[in-house]
Amino acid sequence: MAVTGLIMLAYLVAHMLGNLKVFLGPDDLNGYAHWLRTLGEPFLPHEGFLWLARLALLTAVVLHAVAAAQLSRRDLAARPRRYAHQRARTSYATRTMRWGGVILGLFLVWHILDLTTLTVNERAEPGHPYQNVVATFSTWYGNALYITAMLALGLHIRHGFWSAAQTLGAGRPRRDKALKTAANVLAALLTCGFIAVPVGVMSGVVS
């Protein structure tokens, strides 16, 4: 679960940086999207790199979900009865990791239908990512779904990064404070970076 989580985290960082090109204008974002489709040519076929990346990401998502389900079953099997003390002793992010994962899974389906296949994007222009982003975030439901999912993502990363560090043996008493700070900063940067795009469209900075 830790390894697949870090793979997805690396993808999210790259994806956010690519998304922020929307602030440079349509030529930059559309040009970046075209470059991704031709990356590796002629060794790879057209969009070959994209499909390899999608396959790797899909594998990571599925394995992450399977690991989460297995860990949940082990947790329930280890403690079939409720604890006597009902007062929560963990952070909000920890308590909502499972629901956050479900929200992100459902959002991923919507996101693909919206900006990859363009199935639910009514004003989509195939081959024009910039225009499709503007079309999506010109609707209230597009903004609501995206911002809600990004807030859930921030909480998920905040706890997930810390947990992955512990699982992979990076956690040490002297490093705990630094790791927690890194988790908070990373979660905040990714959340703000992703949310900046719909905010940019809503504010008219991106149009």
N, C-alpha and C. Protein backbone atom coordinates (compact mmCIF):
# COMPACT_ATOMS: atom_id res chain seq x y z
N MET A 1 0.82 -1.20 0.00
CA MET A 1 0.00 0.00 0.00
C MET A 1 0.87 1.26 0.00
N ALA A 2 1.96 1.22 0.76
CA ALA A 2 2.86 2.37 0.81
C ALA A 2 3.52 2.62 -0.54
N VAL A 3 3.99 1.57 -1.19
CA VAL A 3 4.69 1.72 -2.47
C VAL A 3 3.74 2.25 -3.55
N THR A 4 2.55 1.68 -3.64
CA THR A 4 1.59 2.15 -4.65
C THR A 4 1.16 3.58 -4.36
N GLY A 5 1.06 3.91 -3.07
CA GLY A 5 0.70 5.28 -2.69
C GLY A 5 1.76 6.27 -3.14
N LEU A 6 3.03 5.93 -3.00
CA LEU A 6 4.11 6.82 -3.42
C LEU A 6 4.17 6.95 -4.94
N ILE A 7 3.85 5.85 -5.65
CA ILE A 7 3.79 5.92 -7.11
C ILE A 7 2.72 6.91 -7.55
N MET A 8 1.55 6.82 -6.93
CA MET A 8 0.47 7.75 -7.27
C MET A 8 0.80 9.17 -6.86
N LEU A 9 1.53 9.32 -5.75
CA LEU A 9 1.93 10.65 -5.30
C LEU A 9 2.86 11.30 -6.32
N ALA A 10 3.81 10.53 -6.84
CA ALA A 10 4.72 11.06 -7.86
C ALA A 10 3.95 11.49 -9.10
N TYR A 11 2.95 10.69 -9.47
CA TYR A 11 2.12 11.06 -10.62
C TYR A 11 1.35 12.35 -10.35
N LEU A 12 0.81 12.50 -9.13
CA LEU A 12 0.04 13.68 -8.79
C LEU A 12 0.89 14.95 -8.86
N VAL A 13 2.14 14.86 -8.42
CA VAL A 13 3.03 16.02 -8.49
C VAL A 13 3.23 16.43 -9.95
N ALA A 14 3.53 15.44 -10.81
CA ALA A 14 3.73 15.73 -12.23
C ALA A 14 2.45 16.26 -12.87
N HIS A 15 1.32 15.66 -12.49
CA HIS A 15 0.03 16.06 -13.06
C HIS A 15 -0.32 17.50 -12.66
N MET A 16 -0.06 17.84 -11.41
CA MET A 16 -0.35 19.20 -10.95
C MET A 16 0.50 20.22 -11.70
N LEU A 17 1.79 19.92 -11.86
CA LEU A 17 2.67 20.84 -12.57
C LEU A 17 2.21 21.03 -14.01
N GLY A 18 1.75 19.94 -14.61
CA GLY A 18 1.21 20.05 -15.96
C GLY A 18 -0.06 20.88 -16.01
N ASN A 19 -0.93 20.68 -15.03
CA ASN A 19 -2.19 21.44 -14.97
C ASN A 19 -1.94 22.94 -14.85
N LEU A 20 -0.92 23.31 -14.11
CA LEU A 20 -0.64 24.73 -13.87
C LEU A 20 -0.22 25.46 -15.13
N LYS A 21 0.09 24.73 -16.19
CA LYS A 21 0.40 25.37 -17.46
C LYS A 21 -0.82 26.08 -18.04
N VAL A 22 -2.00 25.80 -17.48
CA VAL A 22 -3.20 26.48 -17.94
C VAL A 22 -3.08 27.99 -17.74
N PHE A 23 -2.29 28.42 -16.75
CA PHE A 23 -2.12 29.84 -16.48
C PHE A 23 -1.20 30.52 -17.50
N LEU A 24 -0.49 29.72 -18.30
CA LEU A 24 0.38 30.26 -19.33
C LEU A 24 -0.35 30.47 -20.65
N GLY A 25 -1.58 29.97 -20.72
CA GLY A 25 -2.37 30.18 -21.92
C GLY A 25 -2.62 28.90 -22.70
N PRO A 26 -3.52 28.96 -23.67
CA PRO A 26 -3.91 27.76 -24.43
C PRO A 26 -2.76 27.13 -25.21
N ASP A 27 -1.87 27.93 -25.76
CA ASP A 27 -0.77 27.36 -26.55
C ASP A 27 0.13 26.48 -25.69
N ASP A 28 0.42 26.93 -24.47
CA ASP A 28 1.30 26.16 -23.60
C ASP A 28 0.65 24.86 -23.14
N LEU A 29 -0.60 24.92 -22.68
CA LEU A 29 -1.25 23.70 -22.19
C LEU A 29 -1.53 22.72 -23.33
N ASN A 30 -2.05 23.23 -24.45
CA ASN A 30 -2.33 22.34 -25.58
C ASN A 30 -1.04 21.77 -26.16
N GLY A 31 0.03 22.59 -26.16
CA GLY A 31 1.31 22.10 -26.64
C GLY A 31 1.88 21.02 -25.74
N TYR A 32 1.70 21.21 -24.43
CA TYR A 32 2.16 20.20 -23.47
C TYR A 32 1.40 18.89 -23.67
N ALA A 33 0.09 18.98 -23.88
CA ALA A 33 -0.73 17.78 -24.10
C ALA A 33 -0.29 17.07 -25.38
N HIS A 34 0.03 17.84 -26.41
CA HIS A 34 0.49 17.25 -27.67
C HIS A 34 1.84 16.55 -27.47
N TRP A 35 2.72 17.18 -26.68
CA TRP A 35 4.03 16.59 -26.41
C TRP A 35 3.89 15.24 -25.70
N LEU A 36 2.95 15.14 -24.74
CA LEU A 36 2.73 13.88 -24.05
C LEU A 36 2.29 12.78 -25.02
N ARG A 37 1.51 13.16 -26.02
CA ARG A 37 1.01 12.17 -26.97
C ARG A 37 2.08 11.70 -27.95
N THR A 38 3.09 12.51 -28.15
CA THR A 38 4.15 12.14 -29.09
C THR A 38 5.44 11.71 -28.40
N LEU A 39 5.45 11.74 -27.06
CA LEU A 39 6.64 11.38 -26.31
C LEU A 39 7.05 9.94 -26.59
N GLY A 40 8.31 9.75 -26.95
CA GLY A 40 8.82 8.40 -27.23
C GLY A 40 8.76 7.99 -28.67
N GLU A 41 8.14 8.81 -29.53
CA GLU A 41 8.11 8.49 -30.95
C GLU A 41 9.51 8.70 -31.55
N PRO A 42 9.90 7.89 -32.54
CA PRO A 42 9.13 6.82 -33.19
C PRO A 42 9.29 5.46 -32.53
N PHE A 43 10.08 5.39 -31.44
CA PHE A 43 10.23 4.11 -30.75
C PHE A 43 8.89 3.60 -30.25
N LEU A 44 8.08 4.50 -29.69
CA LEU A 44 6.73 4.16 -29.25
C LEU A 44 5.72 4.68 -30.26
N PRO A 45 4.58 4.01 -30.39
CA PRO A 45 3.54 4.53 -31.28
C PRO A 45 2.93 5.81 -30.71
N HIS A 46 2.14 6.51 -31.52
CA HIS A 46 1.48 7.72 -31.07
C HIS A 46 0.63 7.42 -29.83
N GLU A 47 0.80 8.19 -28.78
CA GLU A 47 0.14 8.02 -27.49
C GLU A 47 0.61 6.78 -26.74
N GLY A 48 1.69 6.17 -27.21
CA GLY A 48 2.19 4.97 -26.56
C GLY A 48 2.64 5.23 -25.13
N PHE A 49 3.36 6.32 -24.91
CA PHE A 49 3.80 6.66 -23.56
C PHE A 49 2.62 6.90 -22.64
N LEU A 50 1.60 7.61 -23.15
CA LEU A 50 0.41 7.89 -22.34
C LEU A 50 -0.28 6.61 -21.89
N TRP A 51 -0.39 5.65 -22.81
CA TRP A 51 -1.07 4.41 -22.46
C TRP A 51 -0.25 3.58 -21.47
N LEU A 52 1.06 3.61 -21.60
CA LEU A 52 1.91 2.92 -20.62
C LEU A 52 1.76 3.56 -19.24
N ALA A 53 1.73 4.89 -19.21
CA ALA A 53 1.56 5.60 -17.95
C ALA A 53 0.19 5.31 -17.34
N ARG A 54 -0.84 5.28 -18.19
CA ARG A 54 -2.19 4.99 -17.70
C ARG A 54 -2.28 3.58 -17.14
N LEU A 55 -1.63 2.62 -17.82
CA LEU A 55 -1.64 1.24 -17.35
C LEU A 55 -0.94 1.11 -16.01
N ALA A 56 0.21 1.78 -15.88
CA ALA A 56 0.94 1.75 -14.61
C ALA A 56 0.14 2.38 -13.49
N LEU A 57 -0.51 3.51 -13.80
CA LEU A 57 -1.31 4.20 -12.79
C LEU A 57 -2.53 3.37 -12.39
N LEU A 58 -3.19 2.76 -13.38
CA LEU A 58 -4.35 1.91 -13.09
C LEU A 58 -3.95 0.73 -12.21
N THR A 59 -2.81 0.13 -12.50
CA THR A 59 -2.31 -0.98 -11.69
C THR A 59 -2.07 -0.54 -10.25
N ALA A 60 -1.47 0.66 -10.10
CA ALA A 60 -1.20 1.18 -8.75
C ALA A 60 -2.49 1.45 -8.01
N VAL A 61 -3.48 2.01 -8.69
CA VAL A 61 -4.77 2.32 -8.06
C VAL A 61 -5.47 1.04 -7.60
N VAL A 62 -5.49 0.03 -8.47
CA VAL A 62 -6.15 -1.24 -8.13
C VAL A 62 -5.44 -1.92 -6.96
N LEU A 63 -4.11 -1.99 -7.00
CA LEU A 63 -3.37 -2.63 -5.91
C LEU A 63 -3.54 -1.86 -4.61
N HIS A 64 -3.61 -0.53 -4.71
CA HIS A 64 -3.81 0.30 -3.52
C HIS A 64 -5.17 0.02 -2.89
N ALA A 65 -6.20 -0.09 -3.74
CA ALA A 65 -7.55 -0.37 -3.25
C ALA A 65 -7.63 -1.76 -2.64
N VAL A 66 -6.99 -2.74 -3.28
CA VAL A 66 -6.98 -4.11 -2.75
C VAL A 66 -6.29 -4.15 -1.39
N ALA A 67 -5.15 -3.46 -1.29
CA ALA A 67 -4.42 -3.42 -0.02
C ALA A 67 -5.26 -2.76 1.07
N ALA A 68 -5.97 -1.69 0.70
CA ALA A 68 -6.82 -1.00 1.68
C ALA A 68 -7.92 -1.93 2.18
N ALA A 69 -8.53 -2.70 1.27
CA ALA A 69 -9.59 -3.63 1.66
C ALA A 69 -9.04 -4.73 2.57
N GLN A 70 -7.86 -5.23 2.25
CA GLN A 70 -7.24 -6.28 3.06
C GLN A 70 -6.92 -5.77 4.46
N LEU A 71 -6.38 -4.56 4.54
CA LEU A 71 -6.04 -3.99 5.84
C LEU A 71 -7.29 -3.72 6.66
N SER A 72 -8.37 -3.30 6.02
CA SER A 72 -9.63 -3.07 6.73
C SER A 72 -10.17 -4.37 7.32
N ARG A 73 -10.10 -5.45 6.53
CA ARG A 73 -10.58 -6.75 7.02
C ARG A 73 -9.73 -7.24 8.20
N ARG A 74 -8.43 -7.04 8.12
CA ARG A 74 -7.55 -7.44 9.22
C ARG A 74 -7.85 -6.62 10.47
N ASP A 75 -8.11 -5.35 10.27
CA ASP A 75 -8.41 -4.47 11.39
C ASP A 75 -9.69 -4.91 12.10
N LEU A 76 -10.72 -5.23 11.31
CA LEU A 76 -11.99 -5.67 11.89
C LEU A 76 -11.86 -7.04 12.55
N ALA A 77 -11.08 -7.92 11.93
CA ALA A 77 -10.89 -9.26 12.49
C ALA A 77 -10.11 -9.20 13.80
N ALA A 78 -9.18 -8.26 13.90
CA ALA A 78 -8.37 -8.15 15.12
C ALA A 78 -9.16 -7.57 16.28
N ARG A 79 -10.19 -6.78 15.97
CA ARG A 79 -10.99 -6.16 17.04
C ARG A 79 -12.46 -6.17 16.64
N PRO A 80 -13.12 -7.35 16.74
CA PRO A 80 -14.53 -7.43 16.33
C PRO A 80 -15.46 -6.60 17.19
N ARG A 81 -15.08 -6.35 18.45
CA ARG A 81 -15.91 -5.53 19.34
C ARG A 81 -15.47 -4.08 19.31
N ARG A 82 -16.40 -3.20 19.59
CA ARG A 82 -16.08 -1.78 19.66
C ARG A 82 -15.25 -1.49 20.92
N TYR A 83 -14.42 -0.47 20.85
CA TYR A 83 -13.65 -0.06 22.02
C TYR A 83 -14.58 0.53 23.07
N ALA A 84 -14.21 0.36 24.32
CA ALA A 84 -15.03 0.89 25.40
C ALA A 84 -15.08 2.40 25.38
N HIS A 85 -13.94 3.02 25.03
CA HIS A 85 -13.87 4.48 24.95
C HIS A 85 -14.18 4.91 23.52
N GLN A 86 -15.25 5.64 23.34
CA GLN A 86 -15.69 6.04 22.01
C GLN A 86 -15.03 7.33 21.53
N ARG A 87 -14.38 8.04 22.41
CA ARG A 87 -13.77 9.31 22.03
C ARG A 87 -12.62 9.09 21.04
N ALA A 88 -12.66 9.82 19.96
CA ALA A 88 -11.66 9.65 18.92
C ALA A 88 -10.28 10.08 19.42
N ARG A 89 -9.28 9.25 19.13
CA ARG A 89 -7.92 9.57 19.55
C ARG A 89 -7.00 9.72 18.36
N THR A 90 -7.56 9.80 17.17
CA THR A 90 -6.77 9.96 15.96
C THR A 90 -7.18 11.23 15.25
N SER A 91 -6.37 11.64 14.27
CA SER A 91 -6.67 12.86 13.54
C SER A 91 -7.87 12.67 12.63
N TYR A 92 -8.43 13.80 12.19
CA TYR A 92 -9.57 13.75 11.27
C TYR A 92 -9.18 13.04 9.99
N ALA A 93 -7.96 13.30 9.49
CA ALA A 93 -7.51 12.66 8.26
C ALA A 93 -7.45 11.14 8.41
N THR A 94 -6.96 10.68 9.57
CA THR A 94 -6.87 9.24 9.80
C THR A 94 -8.24 8.60 9.80
N ARG A 95 -9.21 9.24 10.48
CA ARG A 95 -10.55 8.66 10.58
C ARG A 95 -11.29 8.67 9.26
N THR A 96 -10.88 9.53 8.33
CA THR A 96 -11.62 9.63 7.07
C THR A 96 -10.84 9.04 5.89
N MET A 97 -9.76 8.30 6.15
CA MET A 97 -8.97 7.73 5.05
C MET A 97 -9.80 6.83 4.16
N ARG A 98 -10.65 6.00 4.77
CA ARG A 98 -11.45 5.07 3.97
C ARG A 98 -12.46 5.80 3.11
N TRP A 99 -13.21 6.72 3.74
CA TRP A 99 -14.20 7.48 2.97
C TRP A 99 -13.51 8.37 1.95
N GLY A 100 -12.36 8.91 2.30
CA GLY A 100 -11.60 9.72 1.35
C GLY A 100 -11.20 8.91 0.14
N GLY A 101 -10.79 7.66 0.36
CA GLY A 101 -10.43 6.79 -0.74
C GLY A 101 -11.61 6.50 -1.65
N VAL A 102 -12.79 6.30 -1.07
CA VAL A 102 -14.00 6.06 -1.87
C VAL A 102 -14.34 7.30 -2.70
N ILE A 103 -14.28 8.47 -2.07
CA ILE A 103 -14.56 9.72 -2.78
C ILE A 103 -13.60 9.90 -3.95
N LEU A 104 -12.33 9.64 -3.71
CA LEU A 104 -11.33 9.81 -4.77
C LEU A 104 -11.52 8.79 -5.89
N GLY A 105 -11.92 7.57 -5.52
CA GLY A 105 -12.19 6.56 -6.54
C GLY A 105 -13.34 6.95 -7.45
N LEU A 106 -14.42 7.44 -6.85
CA LEU A 106 -15.57 7.89 -7.64
C LEU A 106 -15.21 9.11 -8.49
N PHE A 107 -14.42 10.02 -7.90
CA PHE A 107 -14.00 11.21 -8.65
C PHE A 107 -13.14 10.84 -9.84
N LEU A 108 -12.28 9.84 -9.67
CA LEU A 108 -11.40 9.42 -10.76
C LEU A 108 -12.22 8.99 -11.97
N VAL A 109 -13.30 8.26 -11.72
CA VAL A 109 -14.19 7.84 -12.82
C VAL A 109 -14.77 9.07 -13.52
N TRP A 110 -15.28 10.02 -12.71
CA TRP A 110 -15.84 11.25 -13.27
C TRP A 110 -14.77 12.04 -14.06
N HIS A 111 -13.59 12.14 -13.51
CA HIS A 111 -12.52 12.92 -14.12
C HIS A 111 -12.14 12.36 -15.49
N ILE A 112 -12.10 11.04 -15.59
CA ILE A 112 -11.79 10.40 -16.88
C ILE A 112 -12.90 10.68 -17.88
N LEU A 113 -14.14 10.52 -17.45
CA LEU A 113 -15.28 10.78 -18.34
C LEU A 113 -15.35 12.25 -18.75
N ASP A 114 -14.86 13.12 -17.89
CA ASP A 114 -14.95 14.56 -18.12
C ASP A 114 -13.85 15.08 -19.03
N LEU A 115 -12.60 14.77 -18.71
CA LEU A 115 -11.48 15.40 -19.42
C LEU A 115 -10.62 14.44 -20.25
N THR A 116 -10.91 13.14 -20.21
CA THR A 116 -10.17 12.20 -21.05
C THR A 116 -11.03 11.70 -22.20
N THR A 117 -12.14 11.06 -21.86
CA THR A 117 -13.05 10.60 -22.91
C THR A 117 -14.01 11.70 -23.37
N LEU A 118 -14.16 12.76 -22.57
CA LEU A 118 -15.04 13.91 -22.86
C LEU A 118 -16.51 13.52 -22.92
N THR A 119 -16.86 12.40 -22.29
CA THR A 119 -18.23 11.89 -22.34
C THR A 119 -19.22 12.82 -21.67
N VAL A 120 -18.86 13.38 -20.53
CA VAL A 120 -19.81 14.22 -19.77
C VAL A 120 -19.51 15.70 -19.91
N ASN A 121 -18.52 16.04 -20.72
CA ASN A 121 -18.17 17.45 -20.94
C ASN A 121 -18.93 17.95 -22.15
N GLU A 122 -20.02 18.66 -21.91
CA GLU A 122 -20.95 19.04 -22.98
C GLU A 122 -20.33 19.97 -24.01
N ARG A 123 -19.37 20.80 -23.60
CA ARG A 123 -18.78 21.77 -24.52
C ARG A 123 -17.34 21.39 -24.88
N ALA A 124 -17.05 20.11 -24.84
CA ALA A 124 -15.69 19.64 -25.09
C ALA A 124 -15.31 19.82 -26.56
N GLU A 125 -14.01 20.10 -26.75
CA GLU A 125 -13.43 20.20 -28.09
C GLU A 125 -12.29 19.19 -28.17
N PRO A 126 -12.49 18.05 -28.82
CA PRO A 126 -11.43 17.04 -28.89
C PRO A 126 -10.11 17.63 -29.38
N GLY A 127 -9.03 17.32 -28.66
CA GLY A 127 -7.73 17.82 -29.03
C GLY A 127 -7.41 19.20 -28.51
N HIS A 128 -8.29 19.77 -27.67
CA HIS A 128 -8.08 21.11 -27.11
C HIS A 128 -8.23 21.07 -25.59
N PRO A 129 -7.25 20.55 -24.87
CA PRO A 129 -7.35 20.42 -23.41
C PRO A 129 -7.64 21.74 -22.69
N TYR A 130 -7.02 22.82 -23.13
CA TYR A 130 -7.24 24.11 -22.46
C TYR A 130 -8.71 24.49 -22.51
N GLN A 131 -9.30 24.42 -23.68
CA GLN A 131 -10.71 24.77 -23.83
C GLN A 131 -11.61 23.83 -23.02
N ASN A 132 -11.23 22.56 -22.92
CA ASN A 132 -12.03 21.60 -22.17
C ASN A 132 -11.96 21.87 -20.67
N VAL A 133 -10.79 22.29 -20.19
CA VAL A 133 -10.64 22.64 -18.77
C VAL A 133 -11.53 23.84 -18.45
N VAL A 134 -11.50 24.85 -19.32
CA VAL A 134 -12.33 26.04 -19.11
C VAL A 134 -13.81 25.66 -19.13
N ALA A 135 -14.19 24.78 -20.04
CA ALA A 135 -15.60 24.36 -20.13
C ALA A 135 -16.04 23.65 -18.87
N THR A 136 -15.18 22.78 -18.33
CA THR A 136 -15.51 22.04 -17.11
C THR A 136 -15.71 22.97 -15.93
N PHE A 137 -14.77 23.89 -15.74
CA PHE A 137 -14.82 24.75 -14.56
C PHE A 137 -15.65 26.01 -14.78
N SER A 138 -16.38 26.04 -15.86
CA SER A 138 -17.38 27.09 -16.06
C SER A 138 -18.74 26.64 -15.55
N THR A 139 -18.81 25.42 -15.02
CA THR A 139 -20.06 24.88 -14.47
C THR A 139 -19.92 24.75 -12.96
N TRP A 140 -21.02 24.96 -12.25
CA TRP A 140 -20.97 24.88 -10.78
C TRP A 140 -20.67 23.47 -10.31
N TYR A 141 -21.24 22.46 -11.02
CA TYR A 141 -21.04 21.08 -10.56
C TYR A 141 -19.61 20.62 -10.85
N GLY A 142 -19.02 21.11 -11.94
CA GLY A 142 -17.63 20.76 -12.22
C GLY A 142 -16.70 21.27 -11.13
N ASN A 143 -16.94 22.51 -10.70
CA ASN A 143 -16.14 23.08 -9.62
C ASN A 143 -16.39 22.37 -8.30
N ALA A 144 -17.66 22.11 -7.99
CA ALA A 144 -18.00 21.49 -6.71
C ALA A 144 -17.38 20.10 -6.58
N LEU A 145 -17.50 19.29 -7.63
CA LEU A 145 -16.95 17.94 -7.60
C LEU A 145 -15.42 17.96 -7.48
N TYR A 146 -14.80 18.82 -8.25
CA TYR A 146 -13.34 18.87 -8.29
C TYR A 146 -12.77 19.37 -6.97
N ILE A 147 -13.31 20.47 -6.46
CA ILE A 147 -12.77 21.05 -5.22
C ILE A 147 -13.00 20.11 -4.04
N THR A 148 -14.18 19.48 -3.97
CA THR A 148 -14.44 18.51 -2.90
C THR A 148 -13.44 17.36 -2.94
N ALA A 149 -13.19 16.85 -4.15
CA ALA A 149 -12.26 15.74 -4.30
C ALA A 149 -10.84 16.16 -3.94
N MET A 150 -10.45 17.39 -4.28
CA MET A 150 -9.08 17.84 -3.97
C MET A 150 -8.88 18.06 -2.47
N LEU A 151 -9.92 18.48 -1.78
CA LEU A 151 -9.83 18.60 -0.32
C LEU A 151 -9.67 17.21 0.31
N ALA A 152 -10.42 16.23 -0.21
CA ALA A 152 -10.28 14.86 0.27
C ALA A 152 -8.89 14.32 -0.05
N LEU A 153 -8.37 14.70 -1.22
CA LEU A 153 -7.02 14.28 -1.61
C LEU A 153 -5.97 14.83 -0.64
N GLY A 154 -6.13 16.09 -0.25
CA GLY A 154 -5.19 16.69 0.68
C GLY A 154 -5.13 15.94 2.00
N LEU A 155 -6.29 15.59 2.54
CA LEU A 155 -6.33 14.84 3.79
C LEU A 155 -5.73 13.45 3.61
N HIS A 156 -6.02 12.85 2.45
CA HIS A 156 -5.51 11.51 2.17
C HIS A 156 -3.98 11.52 2.09
N ILE A 157 -3.42 12.52 1.42
CA ILE A 157 -1.97 12.61 1.27
C ILE A 157 -1.31 12.91 2.61
N ARG A 158 -1.94 13.79 3.39
CA ARG A 158 -1.37 14.18 4.68
C ARG A 158 -1.13 12.97 5.57
N HIS A 159 -2.12 12.11 5.67
CA HIS A 159 -1.96 10.92 6.50
C HIS A 159 -1.20 9.82 5.76
N GLY A 160 -1.46 9.69 4.44
CA GLY A 160 -0.85 8.62 3.67
C GLY A 160 0.67 8.74 3.57
N PHE A 161 1.17 9.96 3.38
CA PHE A 161 2.61 10.16 3.28
C PHE A 161 3.30 9.77 4.60
N TRP A 162 2.69 10.20 5.69
CA TRP A 162 3.24 9.86 7.02
C TRP A 162 3.22 8.35 7.24
N SER A 163 2.12 7.71 6.89
CA SER A 163 2.00 6.26 7.07
C SER A 163 2.99 5.51 6.20
N ALA A 164 3.16 5.97 4.95
CA ALA A 164 4.10 5.31 4.04
C ALA A 164 5.53 5.40 4.58
N ALA A 165 5.88 6.56 5.12
CA ALA A 165 7.22 6.73 5.69
C ALA A 165 7.46 5.75 6.83
N GLN A 166 6.44 5.56 7.68
CA GLN A 166 6.57 4.62 8.79
C GLN A 166 6.68 3.19 8.28
N THR A 167 5.84 2.85 7.30
CA THR A 167 5.82 1.49 6.76
C THR A 167 7.15 1.13 6.11
N LEU A 168 7.75 2.08 5.40
CA LEU A 168 8.99 1.81 4.67
C LEU A 168 10.23 2.01 5.52
N GLY A 169 10.05 2.27 6.81
CA GLY A 169 11.17 2.34 7.73
C GLY A 169 11.87 3.67 7.81
N ALA A 170 11.27 4.72 7.25
CA ALA A 170 11.91 6.04 7.30
C ALA A 170 11.65 6.76 8.61
N GLY A 171 10.66 6.30 9.35
CA GLY A 171 10.29 6.97 10.59
C GLY A 171 11.30 6.72 11.71
N ARG A 172 11.74 7.77 12.32
CA ARG A 172 12.62 7.72 13.48
C ARG A 172 12.18 8.82 14.43
N PRO A 173 12.38 8.64 15.74
CA PRO A 173 11.98 9.69 16.68
C PRO A 173 12.51 11.06 16.31
N ARG A 174 13.76 11.12 15.82
CA ARG A 174 14.35 12.41 15.48
C ARG A 174 13.80 12.96 14.17
N ARG A 175 13.19 12.07 13.36
CA ARG A 175 12.67 12.52 12.06
C ARG A 175 11.17 12.78 12.08
N ASP A 176 10.51 12.41 13.15
CA ASP A 176 9.05 12.48 13.17
C ASP A 176 8.53 13.88 12.86
N LYS A 177 9.12 14.88 13.51
CA LYS A 177 8.64 16.24 13.30
C LYS A 177 8.84 16.68 11.85
N ALA A 178 10.00 16.34 11.28
CA ALA A 178 10.29 16.72 9.90
C ALA A 178 9.35 16.00 8.92
N LEU A 179 9.08 14.73 9.19
CA LEU A 179 8.19 13.97 8.32
C LEU A 179 6.76 14.50 8.39
N LYS A 180 6.31 14.85 9.59
CA LYS A 180 4.97 15.41 9.72
C LYS A 180 4.86 16.75 9.02
N THR A 181 5.90 17.55 9.14
CA THR A 181 5.92 18.85 8.45
C THR A 181 5.91 18.65 6.94
N ALA A 182 6.71 17.69 6.45
CA ALA A 182 6.75 17.40 5.02
C ALA A 182 5.39 16.93 4.52
N ALA A 183 4.72 16.09 5.31
CA ALA A 183 3.39 15.61 4.93
C ALA A 183 2.40 16.76 4.84
N ASN A 184 2.43 17.66 5.81
CA ASN A 184 1.52 18.81 5.82
C ASN A 184 1.79 19.74 4.65
N VAL A 185 3.07 20.03 4.41
CA VAL A 185 3.43 20.95 3.32
C VAL A 185 3.07 20.35 1.97
N LEU A 186 3.39 19.08 1.78
CA LEU A 186 3.09 18.41 0.51
C LEU A 186 1.60 18.38 0.25
N ALA A 187 0.83 18.03 1.27
CA ALA A 187 -0.63 17.99 1.12
C ALA A 187 -1.19 19.37 0.78
N ALA A 188 -0.67 20.40 1.45
CA ALA A 188 -1.15 21.76 1.21
C ALA A 188 -0.80 22.24 -0.18
N LEU A 189 0.44 21.97 -0.62
CA LEU A 189 0.87 22.41 -1.95
C LEU A 189 0.06 21.74 -3.05
N LEU A 190 -0.15 20.43 -2.93
CA LEU A 190 -0.91 19.72 -3.95
C LEU A 190 -2.37 20.17 -3.97
N THR A 191 -2.96 20.31 -2.79
CA THR A 191 -4.35 20.76 -2.72
C THR A 191 -4.51 22.14 -3.34
N CYS A 192 -3.67 23.06 -2.94
CA CYS A 192 -3.74 24.44 -3.47
C CYS A 192 -3.42 24.47 -4.96
N GLY A 193 -2.44 23.67 -5.38
CA GLY A 193 -2.06 23.65 -6.78
C GLY A 193 -3.18 23.17 -7.68
N PHE A 194 -3.86 22.11 -7.26
CA PHE A 194 -4.97 21.59 -8.06
C PHE A 194 -6.17 22.53 -8.03
N ILE A 195 -6.50 23.05 -6.85
CA ILE A 195 -7.66 23.93 -6.72
C ILE A 195 -7.43 25.27 -7.43
N ALA A 196 -6.17 25.65 -7.62
CA ALA A 196 -5.88 26.92 -8.30
C ALA A 196 -6.48 26.96 -9.70
N VAL A 197 -6.60 25.82 -10.35
CA VAL A 197 -7.12 25.79 -11.73
C VAL A 197 -8.60 26.18 -11.78
N PRO A 198 -9.51 25.50 -11.05
CA PRO A 198 -10.90 25.96 -11.09
C PRO A 198 -11.09 27.37 -10.56
N VAL A 199 -10.31 27.75 -9.55
CA VAL A 199 -10.39 29.12 -9.02
C VAL A 199 -9.97 30.12 -10.12
N GLY A 200 -8.95 29.76 -10.88
CA GLY A 200 -8.51 30.62 -11.97
C GLY A 200 -9.59 30.83 -13.03
N VAL A 201 -10.31 29.75 -13.33
CA VAL A 201 -11.40 29.85 -14.32
C VAL A 201 -12.57 30.67 -13.74
N MET A 202 -12.94 30.38 -12.49
CA MET A 202 -14.05 31.09 -11.86
C MET A 202 -13.78 32.59 -11.73
N SER A 203 -12.51 32.94 -11.48
CA SER A 203 -12.16 34.33 -11.28
C SER A 203 -11.92 35.08 -12.59
N GLY A 204 -11.86 34.34 -13.69
CA GLY A 204 -11.63 34.97 -14.98
C GLY A 204 -10.17 35.11 -15.36
N VAL A 205 -9.26 34.68 -14.48
CA VAL A 205 -7.83 34.70 -14.79
C VAL A 205 -7.53 33.78 -15.97
N VAL A 206 -8.24 32.64 -15.98
CA VAL A 206 -8.14 31.68 -17.09
C VAL A 206 -9.48 31.72 -17.82
N SER A 207 -9.43 32.00 -19.09
CA SER A 207 -10.69 32.08 -19.86
C SER A 207 -10.44 31.77 -21.33
